[in-house]
Amino acid sequence: MAYLVERLEKCLRAWEDWWFLLGVMNDVMVADRRPPVYPNENAVLHWHQFRKRLLSLGQEQIDIERFLPPKHKSFENSTLANFAVPLSQWCLNSRRIYNLTEELQVILDATSLEGVTWQDVCLPFPAFAIKLDRPMIDVEGTRFDFIMVTTFNVTNQRGTFPVVELLFFGEGLRPI
């Protein structure tokens, strides 16, 4: 269990370091009488409060907007920059980490999902994590042994749709 929580702790520290360094970079630019690289808002300003807010979830609400990236194209598809959302959902909804043993993974690999739709899938919580004893390996050879699962709804002009987000973490904490 210690390893499982350690993985999330490393991700949170990387997120904190990311926003700390961007804030310092902005401060240096402003001190040199140049415009900041990124807007001084949201996570750039409030990153240091996030851990405390996570720990007090339940007693008080978390204003997730304060911990989102500033509106900037650099952050649109950045898993690390947006890590506050799945982590806060995990803390709020379950704080569960399921461990899939190598034996169970072999059985699941041999299981046919033909005819199964997302409507047939009942997830245990709106957010949870999965530790894989046998890492998944991508085409570049990176091994991913930790998955965060977060569900939410997306609304557009055609209606509201459920979404399942899977974040894979592996060697070097490289999320995809």
N, C-alpha and C. Protein backbone atom coordinates (compact mmCIF):
# COMPACT_ATOMS: atom_id res chain seq x y z
N MET A 1 0.82 -1.20 0.00
CA MET A 1 0.00 0.00 0.00
C MET A 1 0.86 1.26 0.00
N ALA A 2 2.00 1.22 0.68
CA ALA A 2 2.86 2.40 0.73
C ALA A 2 3.29 2.82 -0.67
N TYR A 3 3.62 1.83 -1.52
CA TYR A 3 4.03 2.16 -2.89
C TYR A 3 2.91 2.89 -3.63
N LEU A 4 1.68 2.43 -3.44
CA LEU A 4 0.56 2.98 -4.16
C LEU A 4 0.36 4.45 -3.83
N VAL A 5 0.40 4.79 -2.57
CA VAL A 5 0.24 6.18 -2.16
C VAL A 5 1.48 6.98 -2.55
N GLU A 6 2.63 6.35 -2.52
CA GLU A 6 3.87 7.03 -2.92
C GLU A 6 3.79 7.51 -4.37
N ARG A 7 3.19 6.73 -5.25
CA ARG A 7 3.06 7.14 -6.65
C ARG A 7 2.25 8.43 -6.76
N LEU A 8 1.14 8.51 -6.04
CA LEU A 8 0.33 9.73 -6.06
C LEU A 8 1.06 10.90 -5.42
N GLU A 9 1.81 10.62 -4.37
CA GLU A 9 2.59 11.67 -3.71
C GLU A 9 3.63 12.25 -4.68
N LYS A 10 4.30 11.39 -5.43
CA LYS A 10 5.28 11.87 -6.41
C LYS A 10 4.62 12.73 -7.48
N CYS A 11 3.46 12.32 -7.92
CA CYS A 11 2.72 13.10 -8.92
C CYS A 11 2.32 14.46 -8.35
N LEU A 12 1.84 14.47 -7.11
CA LEU A 12 1.46 15.73 -6.49
C LEU A 12 2.67 16.64 -6.32
N ARG A 13 3.80 16.08 -5.90
CA ARG A 13 5.02 16.89 -5.77
C ARG A 13 5.47 17.45 -7.11
N ALA A 14 5.37 16.65 -8.16
CA ALA A 14 5.73 17.14 -9.50
C ALA A 14 4.80 18.28 -9.91
N TRP A 15 3.51 18.15 -9.61
CA TRP A 15 2.55 19.21 -9.91
C TRP A 15 2.90 20.48 -9.14
N GLU A 16 3.19 20.33 -7.83
CA GLU A 16 3.56 21.50 -7.01
C GLU A 16 4.84 22.15 -7.54
N ASP A 17 5.83 21.35 -7.86
CA ASP A 17 7.10 21.89 -8.38
C ASP A 17 6.87 22.63 -9.70
N TRP A 18 6.04 22.05 -10.56
CA TRP A 18 5.71 22.66 -11.85
C TRP A 18 5.20 24.09 -11.67
N TRP A 19 4.18 24.24 -10.80
CA TRP A 19 3.57 25.55 -10.62
C TRP A 19 4.47 26.49 -9.83
N PHE A 20 5.23 25.98 -8.90
CA PHE A 20 6.21 26.81 -8.18
C PHE A 20 7.21 27.41 -9.17
N LEU A 21 7.76 26.57 -10.04
CA LEU A 21 8.77 27.05 -11.00
C LEU A 21 8.17 28.03 -12.01
N LEU A 22 6.95 27.80 -12.45
CA LEU A 22 6.33 28.76 -13.36
C LEU A 22 6.10 30.10 -12.67
N GLY A 23 5.74 30.06 -11.39
CA GLY A 23 5.58 31.30 -10.63
C GLY A 23 6.90 32.04 -10.48
N VAL A 24 7.98 31.30 -10.20
CA VAL A 24 9.30 31.92 -10.09
C VAL A 24 9.72 32.52 -11.43
N MET A 25 9.47 31.78 -12.50
CA MET A 25 9.81 32.29 -13.83
C MET A 25 9.07 33.60 -14.11
N ASN A 26 7.79 33.65 -13.75
CA ASN A 26 7.04 34.89 -13.91
C ASN A 26 7.63 36.01 -13.07
N ASP A 27 7.99 35.72 -11.82
CA ASP A 27 8.58 36.73 -10.94
C ASP A 27 9.88 37.28 -11.52
N VAL A 28 10.71 36.41 -12.08
CA VAL A 28 11.96 36.84 -12.68
C VAL A 28 11.68 37.76 -13.87
N MET A 29 10.73 37.38 -14.69
CA MET A 29 10.39 38.21 -15.86
C MET A 29 9.90 39.59 -15.42
N VAL A 30 9.03 39.64 -14.44
CA VAL A 30 8.49 40.91 -13.95
C VAL A 30 9.60 41.75 -13.33
N ALA A 31 10.50 41.12 -12.57
CA ALA A 31 11.62 41.84 -11.96
C ALA A 31 12.55 42.43 -13.03
N ASP A 32 12.59 41.79 -14.18
CA ASP A 32 13.41 42.26 -15.30
C ASP A 32 12.62 43.21 -16.21
N ARG A 33 11.46 43.65 -15.71
CA ARG A 33 10.57 44.58 -16.41
C ARG A 33 10.07 44.04 -17.76
N ARG A 34 9.83 42.75 -17.77
CA ARG A 34 9.25 42.10 -18.95
C ARG A 34 7.92 41.47 -18.54
N PRO A 35 7.05 41.20 -19.49
CA PRO A 35 5.76 40.60 -19.12
C PRO A 35 5.95 39.15 -18.66
N PRO A 36 5.09 38.71 -17.75
CA PRO A 36 5.19 37.32 -17.30
C PRO A 36 4.96 36.36 -18.48
N VAL A 37 5.57 35.20 -18.39
CA VAL A 37 5.44 34.20 -19.44
C VAL A 37 4.01 33.67 -19.51
N TYR A 38 3.41 33.43 -18.33
CA TYR A 38 2.06 32.92 -18.23
C TYR A 38 1.25 33.85 -17.34
N PRO A 39 -0.07 33.88 -17.50
CA PRO A 39 -0.88 34.72 -16.62
C PRO A 39 -0.69 34.33 -15.15
N ASN A 40 -0.55 35.32 -14.29
CA ASN A 40 -0.43 35.06 -12.85
C ASN A 40 -1.82 34.86 -12.26
N GLU A 41 -2.34 33.67 -12.43
CA GLU A 41 -3.68 33.35 -11.95
C GLU A 41 -3.77 31.86 -11.66
N ASN A 42 -4.86 31.47 -11.04
CA ASN A 42 -5.16 30.07 -10.76
C ASN A 42 -4.00 29.34 -10.10
N ALA A 43 -3.57 28.22 -10.69
CA ALA A 43 -2.55 27.38 -10.06
C ALA A 43 -1.21 28.09 -9.91
N VAL A 44 -0.89 29.03 -10.78
CA VAL A 44 0.37 29.77 -10.66
C VAL A 44 0.42 30.49 -9.32
N LEU A 45 -0.70 31.01 -8.87
CA LEU A 45 -0.76 31.74 -7.60
C LEU A 45 -1.10 30.87 -6.39
N HIS A 46 -1.94 29.86 -6.59
CA HIS A 46 -2.52 29.15 -5.45
C HIS A 46 -2.03 27.72 -5.25
N TRP A 47 -1.05 27.27 -6.03
CA TRP A 47 -0.59 25.87 -5.96
C TRP A 47 -0.27 25.44 -4.53
N HIS A 48 0.32 26.35 -3.73
CA HIS A 48 0.77 25.99 -2.38
C HIS A 48 -0.38 25.71 -1.42
N GLN A 49 -1.62 26.05 -1.78
CA GLN A 49 -2.78 25.79 -0.92
C GLN A 49 -3.47 24.46 -1.24
N PHE A 50 -3.10 23.84 -2.36
CA PHE A 50 -3.84 22.67 -2.85
C PHE A 50 -3.76 21.48 -1.89
N ARG A 51 -2.58 21.15 -1.41
CA ARG A 51 -2.41 20.00 -0.52
C ARG A 51 -3.27 20.16 0.73
N LYS A 52 -3.26 21.34 1.31
CA LYS A 52 -4.07 21.60 2.50
C LYS A 52 -5.56 21.43 2.21
N ARG A 53 -5.99 21.90 1.04
CA ARG A 53 -7.39 21.76 0.65
C ARG A 53 -7.76 20.29 0.45
N LEU A 54 -6.87 19.51 -0.13
CA LEU A 54 -7.13 18.08 -0.31
C LEU A 54 -7.32 17.39 1.03
N LEU A 55 -6.47 17.74 1.98
CA LEU A 55 -6.54 17.10 3.30
C LEU A 55 -7.79 17.50 4.07
N SER A 56 -8.36 18.66 3.75
CA SER A 56 -9.56 19.10 4.46
C SER A 56 -10.84 18.82 3.69
N LEU A 57 -10.75 18.10 2.58
CA LEU A 57 -11.96 17.75 1.83
C LEU A 57 -12.91 17.00 2.74
N GLY A 58 -14.15 17.34 2.66
CA GLY A 58 -15.15 16.75 3.55
C GLY A 58 -15.58 17.77 4.57
N GLN A 59 -14.60 18.44 5.19
CA GLN A 59 -14.93 19.52 6.12
C GLN A 59 -15.26 20.80 5.37
N GLU A 60 -14.59 21.02 4.23
CA GLU A 60 -14.86 22.21 3.43
C GLU A 60 -14.75 21.85 1.95
N GLN A 61 -15.41 22.63 1.14
CA GLN A 61 -15.40 22.42 -0.30
C GLN A 61 -14.07 22.90 -0.90
N ILE A 62 -13.73 22.34 -2.04
CA ILE A 62 -12.54 22.79 -2.74
C ILE A 62 -12.98 23.57 -3.97
N ASP A 63 -12.41 24.75 -4.14
CA ASP A 63 -12.68 25.56 -5.33
C ASP A 63 -11.64 25.17 -6.37
N ILE A 64 -11.96 24.19 -7.19
CA ILE A 64 -10.99 23.62 -8.12
C ILE A 64 -10.49 24.64 -9.13
N GLU A 65 -11.28 25.66 -9.41
CA GLU A 65 -10.85 26.70 -10.38
C GLU A 65 -9.52 27.34 -9.96
N ARG A 66 -9.32 27.48 -8.67
CA ARG A 66 -8.08 28.10 -8.17
C ARG A 66 -6.84 27.27 -8.52
N PHE A 67 -7.03 25.99 -8.79
CA PHE A 67 -5.90 25.09 -8.99
C PHE A 67 -5.79 24.58 -10.43
N LEU A 68 -6.58 25.17 -11.31
CA LEU A 68 -6.48 24.83 -12.72
C LEU A 68 -5.40 25.69 -13.38
N PRO A 69 -4.90 25.24 -14.52
CA PRO A 69 -3.91 26.07 -15.23
C PRO A 69 -4.55 27.38 -15.71
N PRO A 70 -3.74 28.41 -15.88
CA PRO A 70 -4.27 29.63 -16.49
C PRO A 70 -4.71 29.34 -17.92
N LYS A 71 -5.56 30.18 -18.45
CA LYS A 71 -6.00 30.03 -19.84
C LYS A 71 -4.81 30.35 -20.75
N HIS A 72 -4.20 29.30 -21.26
CA HIS A 72 -3.04 29.44 -22.14
C HIS A 72 -2.92 28.16 -22.95
N LYS A 73 -2.61 28.29 -24.23
CA LYS A 73 -2.57 27.11 -25.10
C LYS A 73 -1.54 26.07 -24.66
N SER A 74 -0.51 26.47 -23.91
CA SER A 74 0.51 25.52 -23.46
C SER A 74 -0.04 24.46 -22.53
N PHE A 75 -1.14 24.76 -21.86
CA PHE A 75 -1.66 23.86 -20.84
C PHE A 75 -2.86 23.03 -21.30
N GLU A 76 -3.32 23.22 -22.53
CA GLU A 76 -4.55 22.59 -22.98
C GLU A 76 -4.53 21.06 -22.87
N ASN A 77 -3.45 20.43 -23.24
CA ASN A 77 -3.39 18.96 -23.22
C ASN A 77 -2.35 18.43 -22.25
N SER A 78 -2.03 19.22 -21.25
CA SER A 78 -1.00 18.82 -20.29
C SER A 78 -1.63 18.08 -19.11
N THR A 79 -1.33 16.80 -19.00
CA THR A 79 -1.85 16.01 -17.89
C THR A 79 -1.32 16.53 -16.56
N LEU A 80 -0.03 16.85 -16.51
CA LEU A 80 0.55 17.33 -15.26
C LEU A 80 -0.07 18.66 -14.84
N ALA A 81 -0.20 19.59 -15.77
CA ALA A 81 -0.77 20.90 -15.43
C ALA A 81 -2.19 20.77 -14.90
N ASN A 82 -2.92 19.79 -15.38
CA ASN A 82 -4.32 19.59 -14.99
C ASN A 82 -4.50 18.50 -13.93
N PHE A 83 -3.44 18.05 -13.31
CA PHE A 83 -3.48 16.94 -12.36
C PHE A 83 -4.36 17.20 -11.14
N ALA A 84 -4.60 18.46 -10.83
CA ALA A 84 -5.42 18.79 -9.66
C ALA A 84 -6.84 18.23 -9.77
N VAL A 85 -7.36 18.15 -11.00
CA VAL A 85 -8.74 17.68 -11.17
C VAL A 85 -8.88 16.20 -10.82
N PRO A 86 -8.13 15.29 -11.49
CA PRO A 86 -8.33 13.88 -11.12
C PRO A 86 -7.92 13.57 -9.67
N LEU A 87 -6.89 14.24 -9.17
CA LEU A 87 -6.48 13.98 -7.79
C LEU A 87 -7.55 14.44 -6.80
N SER A 88 -8.13 15.61 -7.02
CA SER A 88 -9.18 16.08 -6.11
C SER A 88 -10.41 15.19 -6.20
N GLN A 89 -10.75 14.72 -7.40
CA GLN A 89 -11.88 13.81 -7.55
C GLN A 89 -11.62 12.48 -6.85
N TRP A 90 -10.38 11.99 -6.95
CA TRP A 90 -10.01 10.75 -6.27
C TRP A 90 -10.16 10.93 -4.75
N CYS A 91 -9.68 12.05 -4.23
CA CYS A 91 -9.78 12.30 -2.78
C CYS A 91 -11.23 12.46 -2.34
N LEU A 92 -12.01 13.12 -3.15
CA LEU A 92 -13.41 13.40 -2.80
C LEU A 92 -14.29 12.16 -2.90
N ASN A 93 -14.04 11.31 -3.88
CA ASN A 93 -14.97 10.22 -4.19
C ASN A 93 -14.61 8.85 -3.65
N SER A 94 -13.32 8.58 -3.42
CA SER A 94 -13.06 7.21 -2.97
C SER A 94 -11.76 7.04 -2.18
N ARG A 95 -10.70 7.63 -2.65
CA ARG A 95 -9.35 7.37 -2.12
C ARG A 95 -9.02 5.88 -2.19
N ARG A 96 -9.54 5.23 -3.21
CA ARG A 96 -9.30 3.80 -3.39
C ARG A 96 -8.25 3.56 -4.46
N ILE A 97 -7.40 2.58 -4.20
CA ILE A 97 -6.44 2.10 -5.18
C ILE A 97 -6.60 0.59 -5.24
N TYR A 98 -6.98 0.10 -6.40
CA TYR A 98 -7.15 -1.33 -6.60
C TYR A 98 -5.88 -1.90 -7.20
N ASN A 99 -5.47 -3.04 -6.70
CA ASN A 99 -4.26 -3.69 -7.21
C ASN A 99 -4.66 -4.88 -8.09
N LEU A 100 -4.27 -4.83 -9.36
CA LEU A 100 -4.52 -5.96 -10.25
C LEU A 100 -3.28 -6.83 -10.27
N THR A 101 -3.40 -8.03 -9.73
CA THR A 101 -2.28 -8.96 -9.71
C THR A 101 -1.97 -9.42 -11.13
N GLU A 102 -0.78 -9.95 -11.30
CA GLU A 102 -0.40 -10.45 -12.62
C GLU A 102 -1.35 -11.56 -13.07
N GLU A 103 -1.75 -12.41 -12.14
CA GLU A 103 -2.67 -13.50 -12.48
C GLU A 103 -4.01 -12.97 -12.98
N LEU A 104 -4.54 -11.97 -12.31
CA LEU A 104 -5.81 -11.39 -12.72
C LEU A 104 -5.67 -10.69 -14.08
N GLN A 105 -4.54 -10.05 -14.31
CA GLN A 105 -4.32 -9.41 -15.60
C GLN A 105 -4.30 -10.43 -16.74
N VAL A 106 -3.71 -11.60 -16.50
CA VAL A 106 -3.68 -12.65 -17.52
C VAL A 106 -5.11 -13.10 -17.83
N ILE A 107 -5.91 -13.27 -16.79
CA ILE A 107 -7.31 -13.67 -16.99
C ILE A 107 -8.07 -12.59 -17.76
N LEU A 108 -7.87 -11.33 -17.39
CA LEU A 108 -8.56 -10.24 -18.09
C LEU A 108 -8.10 -10.13 -19.54
N ASP A 109 -6.82 -10.39 -19.80
CA ASP A 109 -6.31 -10.38 -21.19
C ASP A 109 -7.02 -11.41 -22.05
N ALA A 110 -7.40 -12.52 -21.46
CA ALA A 110 -8.04 -13.60 -22.20
C ALA A 110 -9.57 -13.46 -22.27
N THR A 111 -10.09 -12.42 -21.63
CA THR A 111 -11.53 -12.23 -21.58
C THR A 111 -12.02 -11.46 -22.80
N SER A 112 -13.05 -11.97 -23.44
CA SER A 112 -13.63 -11.29 -24.60
C SER A 112 -14.60 -10.21 -24.13
N LEU A 113 -14.50 -9.05 -24.74
CA LEU A 113 -15.43 -7.96 -24.44
C LEU A 113 -16.41 -7.73 -25.60
N GLU A 114 -16.48 -8.70 -26.48
CA GLU A 114 -17.38 -8.59 -27.63
C GLU A 114 -18.82 -8.40 -27.14
N GLY A 115 -19.46 -7.37 -27.65
CA GLY A 115 -20.85 -7.09 -27.29
C GLY A 115 -21.01 -6.26 -26.03
N VAL A 116 -19.93 -5.98 -25.31
CA VAL A 116 -20.01 -5.17 -24.09
C VAL A 116 -19.94 -3.70 -24.48
N THR A 117 -20.86 -2.90 -23.97
CA THR A 117 -20.85 -1.46 -24.21
C THR A 117 -20.56 -0.73 -22.91
N TRP A 118 -20.29 0.57 -23.01
CA TRP A 118 -20.03 1.35 -21.79
C TRP A 118 -21.24 1.37 -20.87
N GLN A 119 -22.46 1.23 -21.43
CA GLN A 119 -23.65 1.19 -20.57
C GLN A 119 -23.66 -0.06 -19.70
N ASP A 120 -22.95 -1.11 -20.12
CA ASP A 120 -22.87 -2.35 -19.35
C ASP A 120 -21.86 -2.26 -18.20
N VAL A 121 -21.01 -1.25 -18.23
CA VAL A 121 -19.93 -1.14 -17.25
C VAL A 121 -20.41 -0.31 -16.05
N CYS A 122 -20.25 -0.88 -14.88
CA CYS A 122 -20.61 -0.19 -13.64
C CYS A 122 -19.32 0.01 -12.84
N LEU A 123 -18.83 1.24 -12.82
CA LEU A 123 -17.60 1.53 -12.09
C LEU A 123 -17.91 1.66 -10.60
N PRO A 124 -16.95 1.28 -9.75
CA PRO A 124 -17.22 1.28 -8.30
C PRO A 124 -17.35 2.67 -7.69
N PHE A 125 -16.67 3.66 -8.27
CA PHE A 125 -16.68 5.03 -7.77
C PHE A 125 -16.49 5.98 -8.94
N PRO A 126 -16.86 7.24 -8.79
CA PRO A 126 -16.61 8.21 -9.86
C PRO A 126 -15.11 8.44 -10.12
N ALA A 127 -14.27 8.14 -9.15
CA ALA A 127 -12.83 8.28 -9.32
C ALA A 127 -12.12 7.25 -8.44
N PHE A 128 -11.13 6.59 -9.02
CA PHE A 128 -10.34 5.61 -8.29
C PHE A 128 -9.05 5.37 -9.06
N ALA A 129 -8.16 4.58 -8.48
CA ALA A 129 -6.88 4.30 -9.14
C ALA A 129 -6.65 2.80 -9.20
N ILE A 130 -5.81 2.40 -10.15
CA ILE A 130 -5.49 0.98 -10.33
C ILE A 130 -3.98 0.83 -10.42
N LYS A 131 -3.44 -0.07 -9.61
CA LYS A 131 -2.02 -0.43 -9.67
C LYS A 131 -1.91 -1.75 -10.42
N LEU A 132 -1.06 -1.79 -11.45
CA LEU A 132 -0.87 -3.00 -12.24
C LEU A 132 0.42 -3.69 -11.81
N ASP A 133 0.33 -4.95 -11.39
CA ASP A 133 1.55 -5.70 -11.06
C ASP A 133 2.39 -5.95 -12.30
N ARG A 134 1.72 -6.17 -13.43
CA ARG A 134 2.42 -6.33 -14.71
C ARG A 134 2.17 -5.06 -15.52
N PRO A 135 3.17 -4.19 -15.65
CA PRO A 135 2.97 -2.92 -16.34
C PRO A 135 2.55 -3.10 -17.79
N MET A 136 1.78 -2.14 -18.29
CA MET A 136 1.47 -2.07 -19.70
C MET A 136 2.65 -1.37 -20.37
N ILE A 137 2.99 -1.78 -21.59
CA ILE A 137 4.13 -1.20 -22.29
C ILE A 137 3.63 -0.59 -23.59
N ASP A 138 3.95 0.70 -23.82
CA ASP A 138 3.49 1.34 -25.05
C ASP A 138 4.47 1.07 -26.19
N VAL A 139 4.17 1.60 -27.36
CA VAL A 139 4.98 1.33 -28.56
C VAL A 139 6.41 1.87 -28.44
N GLU A 140 6.61 2.84 -27.55
CA GLU A 140 7.96 3.40 -27.33
C GLU A 140 8.72 2.64 -26.25
N GLY A 141 8.08 1.66 -25.63
CA GLY A 141 8.73 0.86 -24.61
C GLY A 141 8.57 1.39 -23.19
N THR A 142 7.78 2.46 -23.01
CA THR A 142 7.55 3.01 -21.67
C THR A 142 6.58 2.11 -20.92
N ARG A 143 6.91 1.82 -19.67
CA ARG A 143 6.10 0.93 -18.84
C ARG A 143 5.17 1.77 -17.95
N PHE A 144 3.89 1.46 -18.03
CA PHE A 144 2.88 2.16 -17.23
C PHE A 144 2.28 1.17 -16.23
N ASP A 145 2.39 1.50 -14.94
CA ASP A 145 1.91 0.58 -13.92
C ASP A 145 0.86 1.18 -12.99
N PHE A 146 0.36 2.36 -13.34
CA PHE A 146 -0.59 3.03 -12.47
C PHE A 146 -1.60 3.78 -13.34
N ILE A 147 -2.89 3.62 -13.05
CA ILE A 147 -3.94 4.25 -13.84
C ILE A 147 -4.89 4.99 -12.89
N MET A 148 -5.17 6.23 -13.21
CA MET A 148 -6.21 6.97 -12.49
C MET A 148 -7.44 7.01 -13.38
N VAL A 149 -8.58 6.65 -12.81
CA VAL A 149 -9.85 6.62 -13.53
C VAL A 149 -10.74 7.70 -12.94
N THR A 150 -11.23 8.60 -13.80
CA THR A 150 -12.11 9.68 -13.35
C THR A 150 -13.29 9.76 -14.32
N THR A 151 -14.48 9.85 -13.77
CA THR A 151 -15.67 9.99 -14.62
C THR A 151 -16.28 11.37 -14.39
N PHE A 152 -16.85 11.90 -15.44
CA PHE A 152 -17.53 13.19 -15.37
C PHE A 152 -18.45 13.32 -16.57
N ASN A 153 -19.25 14.37 -16.60
CA ASN A 153 -20.15 14.62 -17.72
C ASN A 153 -19.66 15.81 -18.52
N VAL A 154 -19.82 15.73 -19.83
CA VAL A 154 -19.50 16.83 -20.73
C VAL A 154 -20.79 17.25 -21.40
N THR A 155 -21.03 18.54 -21.42
CA THR A 155 -22.24 19.07 -22.05
C THR A 155 -21.85 19.90 -23.26
N ASN A 156 -22.53 19.64 -24.37
CA ASN A 156 -22.35 20.47 -25.56
C ASN A 156 -23.73 20.72 -26.17
N GLN A 157 -23.77 21.25 -27.39
CA GLN A 157 -25.06 21.59 -28.01
C GLN A 157 -25.93 20.36 -28.27
N ARG A 158 -25.35 19.16 -28.32
CA ARG A 158 -26.14 17.94 -28.57
C ARG A 158 -26.63 17.29 -27.29
N GLY A 159 -26.17 17.74 -26.14
CA GLY A 159 -26.64 17.15 -24.89
C GLY A 159 -25.50 16.93 -23.90
N THR A 160 -25.77 16.11 -22.89
CA THR A 160 -24.79 15.79 -21.85
C THR A 160 -24.38 14.33 -22.02
N PHE A 161 -23.07 14.10 -21.97
CA PHE A 161 -22.52 12.77 -22.20
C PHE A 161 -21.56 12.38 -21.09
N PRO A 162 -21.63 11.12 -20.66
CA PRO A 162 -20.66 10.66 -19.66
C PRO A 162 -19.29 10.44 -20.30
N VAL A 163 -18.24 10.74 -19.56
CA VAL A 163 -16.87 10.57 -20.03
C VAL A 163 -16.08 9.81 -18.97
N VAL A 164 -15.26 8.88 -19.41
CA VAL A 164 -14.33 8.18 -18.52
C VAL A 164 -12.93 8.58 -18.95
N GLU A 165 -12.21 9.22 -18.05
CA GLU A 165 -10.84 9.63 -18.34
C GLU A 165 -9.88 8.64 -17.69
N LEU A 166 -8.94 8.13 -18.46
CA LEU A 166 -7.91 7.23 -17.95
C LEU A 166 -6.57 7.92 -18.08
N LEU A 167 -5.88 8.08 -16.96
CA LEU A 167 -4.53 8.65 -16.97
C LEU A 167 -3.56 7.54 -16.60
N PHE A 168 -2.61 7.29 -17.47
CA PHE A 168 -1.62 6.23 -17.27
C PHE A 168 -0.33 6.86 -16.78
N PHE A 169 0.23 6.31 -15.69
CA PHE A 169 1.48 6.81 -15.14
C PHE A 169 2.50 5.68 -15.13
N GLY A 170 3.73 6.04 -15.41
CA GLY A 170 4.77 5.01 -15.46
C GLY A 170 6.13 5.57 -15.14
N GLU A 171 7.11 4.98 -15.78
CA GLU A 171 8.51 5.32 -15.55
C GLU A 171 8.71 6.83 -15.69
N GLY A 172 9.41 7.41 -14.74
CA GLY A 172 9.67 8.83 -14.80
C GLY A 172 8.43 9.68 -14.58
N LEU A 173 7.38 9.06 -14.06
CA LEU A 173 6.10 9.75 -13.81
C LEU A 173 5.57 10.41 -15.07
N ARG A 174 5.85 9.83 -16.21
CA ARG A 174 5.39 10.39 -17.47
C ARG A 174 3.93 10.03 -17.69
N PRO A 175 3.01 10.97 -17.41
CA PRO A 175 1.60 10.67 -17.62
C PRO A 175 1.22 10.83 -19.09
N ILE A 176 0.28 10.01 -19.54
CA ILE A 176 -0.29 10.20 -20.87
C ILE A 176 -1.79 10.24 -20.74
